[in-house]
């Protein structure tokens, strides 16, 4: 009897290997939206602004945005956006923050983030820096998930199968100027080689090559 109970408990508590756990949403943004935000940022100087767009495709863990957008009527300053009466039905809001302000403000959380399905934050210096996706569970409840953002450059991977790369015999991954010449081990002499050091070294190598290849007798007498 005890063995049967143990078996039942094991079955009921078994792991579900096919269970998918979602704790963030992947948002794919067409490069056109990124370029549009950059152009508007250049036109409005340091002021904030907002554009709206739609979700083109969506599954349980991934969202693809449309590249068609609308600029709603708005009054902006360097630290605020006032949306003016306008008619549109887009469900994605993108708005700009000053450089370095990568988090949503309390006003963003109370208004913008609650009134659209997806809210994205943009700065001119870093591009799309933050986002919130509202997963609606019923008419009065939403679960807000953070997002991971990638830009879709709409550029297919190039086939380079026709390019053959040969290994060099004397391959040097570091440029000569980044290395140090052999010097006594003291603090002053631990500095990276300068252009003058490199020129001097290359001049000596040229002289050595000339002596060995073009004037072997000179090399024998040590005149280099």
Protein backbone atom coordinates (compact mmCIF):
# COMPACT_ATOMS: atom_id res chain seq x y z
CA UNK A 1 0.00 0.00 0.00
CA UNK A 2 2.85 2.38 0.88
CA UNK A 3 4.58 1.61 -2.41
CA UNK A 4 1.47 2.56 -4.37
CA UNK A 5 1.26 5.94 -2.61
CA UNK A 6 4.90 6.60 -3.32
CA UNK A 7 4.39 5.84 -7.01
CA UNK A 8 1.40 8.15 -7.20
CA UNK A 9 3.32 10.98 -5.55
CA UNK A 10 6.22 10.54 -7.92
CA UNK A 11 3.92 10.73 -10.94
CA UNK A 12 2.12 13.86 -9.72
CA UNK A 13 5.38 15.70 -8.92
CA UNK A 14 7.27 14.74 -12.08
CA UNK A 15 8.97 17.51 -14.07
CA UNK A 16 7.30 18.73 -17.25
CA UNK A 17 10.20 18.74 -19.70
CA UNK A 18 8.29 20.57 -22.44
CA UNK A 19 7.19 23.46 -20.24
CA UNK A 20 8.27 26.87 -21.62
CA UNK A 21 8.88 29.59 -19.03
CA UNK A 22 8.62 33.20 -20.23
CA UNK A 23 10.13 35.97 -18.10
CA UNK A 24 10.92 38.45 -20.88
CA UNK A 25 9.63 39.24 -24.36
CA UNK A 26 11.90 39.52 -27.38
CA UNK A 27 11.03 42.61 -29.43
CA UNK A 28 12.33 42.84 -33.00
CA UNK A 29 12.40 46.42 -34.27
CA UNK A 30 12.75 47.15 -38.01
CA UNK A 31 15.72 49.39 -38.73
CA UNK A 32 13.35 51.92 -40.35
CA UNK A 33 11.93 52.76 -36.90
CA UNK A 34 15.43 53.23 -35.49
CA UNK A 35 16.35 55.57 -38.35
CA UNK A 36 13.05 57.45 -37.96
CA UNK A 37 13.71 58.07 -34.27
CA UNK A 38 17.23 59.27 -35.01
CA UNK A 39 15.99 61.67 -37.69
CA UNK A 40 13.29 63.10 -35.42
CA UNK A 41 15.79 63.45 -32.56
CA UNK A 42 18.04 65.49 -34.83
CA UNK A 43 15.10 67.72 -35.81
CA UNK A 44 13.77 68.42 -32.30
CA UNK A 45 17.21 68.95 -30.71
CA UNK A 46 17.23 67.84 -27.06
CA UNK A 47 13.44 67.68 -26.67
CA UNK A 48 11.48 64.51 -26.06
CA UNK A 49 9.06 63.11 -28.65
CA UNK A 50 6.83 60.11 -29.27
CA UNK A 51 5.81 57.95 -32.19
CA UNK A 52 3.34 55.07 -32.34
CA UNK A 53 3.27 51.87 -34.37
CA UNK A 54 1.73 48.38 -34.32
CA UNK A 55 2.66 44.79 -33.62
CA UNK A 56 3.01 43.01 -36.96
CA UNK A 57 3.52 39.47 -35.67
CA UNK A 58 3.51 37.93 -32.20
CA UNK A 59 3.86 34.56 -30.53
CA UNK A 60 4.27 33.49 -26.92
CA UNK A 61 7.80 34.88 -26.59
CA UNK A 62 8.53 37.13 -29.57
CA UNK A 63 7.13 40.35 -31.07
CA UNK A 64 7.87 41.79 -34.50
CA UNK A 65 6.96 45.44 -34.98
CA UNK A 66 5.60 47.03 -38.13
CA UNK A 67 7.85 49.55 -39.88
CA UNK A 68 4.86 51.87 -40.46
CA UNK A 69 4.55 54.56 -37.79
CA UNK A 70 2.60 57.70 -36.96
CA UNK A 71 3.69 60.88 -35.19
CA UNK A 72 0.80 61.86 -32.89
CA UNK A 73 0.01 65.46 -32.05
CA UNK A 74 2.07 66.42 -29.03
CA UNK A 75 3.63 69.33 -27.16
CA UNK A 76 7.15 68.57 -25.95
CA UNK A 77 9.97 69.96 -23.84
CA UNK A 78 13.35 68.51 -22.90
CA UNK A 79 11.69 66.63 -20.06
CA UNK A 80 8.05 66.03 -20.94
CA UNK A 81 5.49 65.08 -23.59
CA UNK A 82 1.90 66.31 -23.56
CA UNK A 83 -0.27 64.34 -25.97
CA UNK A 84 -2.83 66.55 -27.71
CA UNK A 85 -6.27 65.40 -28.94
CA UNK A 86 -5.75 63.14 -31.94
CA UNK A 87 -7.23 60.05 -33.61
CA UNK A 88 -5.16 56.86 -33.87
CA UNK A 89 -5.45 53.24 -32.75
CA UNK A 90 -1.84 52.01 -32.58
CA UNK A 91 -0.90 49.69 -29.71
CA UNK A 92 2.85 50.39 -29.47
CA UNK A 93 4.26 53.64 -28.09
CA UNK A 94 7.89 54.73 -28.50
CA UNK A 95 9.10 57.84 -26.73
CA UNK A 96 12.42 59.52 -26.29
CA UNK A 97 14.27 60.27 -23.07
CA UNK A 98 17.38 62.42 -22.55
CA UNK A 99 20.68 60.59 -22.98
CA UNK A 100 21.48 58.48 -19.93
CA UNK A 101 17.86 58.34 -18.67
CA UNK A 102 17.30 54.69 -19.51
CA UNK A 103 14.51 54.01 -17.01
CA UNK A 104 10.82 54.83 -17.12
CA UNK A 105 9.68 57.77 -15.04
CA UNK A 106 6.73 57.59 -12.64
CA UNK A 107 4.65 59.48 -15.23
CA UNK A 108 5.61 56.91 -17.88
CA UNK A 109 4.58 54.04 -15.59
CA UNK A 110 1.26 55.64 -14.60
CA UNK A 111 0.14 56.69 -18.06
CA UNK A 112 2.09 55.53 -21.14
CA UNK A 113 3.04 52.07 -19.91
CA UNK A 114 -0.50 51.18 -18.83
CA UNK A 115 -2.32 52.42 -21.90
CA UNK A 116 -0.58 50.54 -24.69
CA UNK A 117 0.33 46.92 -25.26
CA UNK A 118 4.02 47.67 -25.70
CA UNK A 119 5.97 50.72 -24.47
CA UNK A 120 9.53 51.34 -25.65
CA UNK A 121 12.11 53.86 -24.52
CA UNK A 122 14.59 55.52 -26.91
CA UNK A 123 17.63 57.73 -26.38
CA UNK A 124 19.67 59.34 -29.14
CA UNK A 125 22.99 58.12 -27.75
CA UNK A 126 22.06 54.45 -27.17
CA UNK A 127 18.96 53.79 -29.29
CA UNK A 128 16.24 51.58 -27.79
CA UNK A 129 17.18 51.09 -24.16
CA UNK A 130 14.11 49.79 -22.32
CA UNK A 131 10.62 48.42 -22.73
CA UNK A 132 7.54 47.00 -21.04
CA UNK A 133 5.08 44.51 -22.54
CA UNK A 134 1.60 44.34 -21.03
CA UNK A 135 0.23 40.81 -20.99
CA UNK A 136 -3.50 41.12 -20.41
CA UNK A 137 -5.02 38.31 -18.33
CA UNK A 138 -8.54 39.76 -18.01
CA UNK A 139 -10.34 43.07 -18.41
CA UNK A 140 -8.82 44.55 -15.27
CA UNK A 141 -5.48 42.76 -14.99
CA UNK A 142 -2.17 43.01 -16.87
CA UNK A 143 1.20 41.41 -16.21
CA UNK A 144 4.10 43.65 -17.17
CA UNK A 145 7.10 41.86 -18.66
CA UNK A 146 10.49 43.42 -19.43
CA UNK A 147 11.69 43.14 -23.01
CA UNK A 148 14.86 42.24 -24.86
CA UNK A 149 15.33 44.41 -27.94
CA UNK A 150 17.10 43.63 -31.20
CA UNK A 151 17.18 45.63 -34.44
CA UNK A 152 16.20 43.89 -37.68
CA UNK A 153 18.46 45.36 -40.37
CA UNK A 154 16.60 43.40 -43.06
CA UNK A 155 19.90 42.24 -44.50
CA UNK A 156 20.44 38.63 -45.47
CA UNK A 157 23.64 36.89 -44.45
CA UNK A 158 26.16 37.15 -47.27
CA UNK A 159 27.48 33.93 -48.82
CA UNK A 160 31.29 34.10 -48.75
CA UNK A 161 31.89 30.49 -49.80
CA UNK A 162 33.78 31.73 -52.91
CA UNK A 163 36.37 33.47 -50.73
CA UNK A 164 39.33 31.31 -49.69
CA UNK A 165 41.41 32.57 -46.79
CA UNK A 166 44.99 31.31 -46.67
CA UNK A 167 46.88 31.08 -43.41
CA UNK A 168 49.96 33.28 -43.39
CA UNK A 169 53.24 31.65 -42.41
CA UNK A 170 54.31 34.62 -40.33
CA UNK A 171 50.93 35.72 -39.03
CA UNK A 172 50.98 38.61 -36.61
CA UNK A 173 47.63 39.54 -35.07
CA UNK A 174 48.99 42.54 -33.16
CA UNK A 175 50.32 45.66 -34.86
CA UNK A 176 53.99 46.32 -34.29
CA UNK A 177 53.33 49.66 -32.64
CA UNK A 178 51.41 47.96 -29.82
CA UNK A 179 54.38 45.90 -28.73
CA UNK A 180 57.32 46.94 -26.59
CA UNK A 181 60.94 46.82 -27.64
CA UNK A 182 63.28 44.84 -25.44
CA UNK A 183 64.57 47.24 -22.79
CA UNK A 184 65.83 47.11 -19.20
CA UNK A 185 63.11 46.25 -16.70
CA UNK A 186 62.37 49.58 -15.06
CA UNK A 187 59.31 51.81 -14.85
CA UNK A 188 60.53 54.34 -17.41
CA UNK A 189 61.24 51.68 -19.99
CA UNK A 190 57.88 49.90 -19.71
CA UNK A 191 56.23 52.45 -22.01
CA UNK A 192 54.86 51.25 -25.39
CA UNK A 193 57.11 51.68 -28.38
CA UNK A 194 56.81 55.10 -30.03
CA UNK A 195 56.80 55.86 -33.76
CA UNK A 196 60.45 56.92 -33.46
CA UNK A 197 61.30 53.54 -31.92
CA UNK A 198 59.55 51.73 -34.76
CA UNK A 199 61.26 53.86 -37.42
CA UNK A 200 64.64 53.16 -35.86
CA UNK A 201 63.95 49.42 -35.67
CA UNK A 202 62.74 49.27 -39.27
CA UNK A 203 65.80 51.21 -40.42
CA UNK A 204 68.11 48.70 -38.75
CA UNK A 205 66.20 45.80 -40.30
CA UNK A 206 66.52 47.41 -43.74
CA UNK A 207 70.26 47.80 -43.26
CA UNK A 208 70.56 44.20 -42.12
CA UNK A 209 68.56 42.97 -45.13
CA UNK A 210 70.71 45.01 -47.50
CA UNK A 211 73.90 43.65 -45.96
CA UNK A 212 72.75 40.02 -46.10
CA UNK A 213 71.15 40.05 -49.55
CA UNK A 214 72.96 42.66 -51.58
CA UNK A 215 76.36 42.97 -49.91
CA UNK A 216 77.29 39.77 -48.07
CA UNK A 217 80.91 40.84 -47.69
CA UNK A 218 79.80 43.89 -45.74
CA UNK A 219 77.83 41.59 -43.43
CA UNK A 220 80.89 39.42 -42.81
CA UNK A 221 82.88 42.37 -41.49
CA UNK A 222 80.05 43.46 -39.22
CA UNK A 223 79.44 46.85 -40.90
CA UNK A 224 75.77 47.22 -40.11
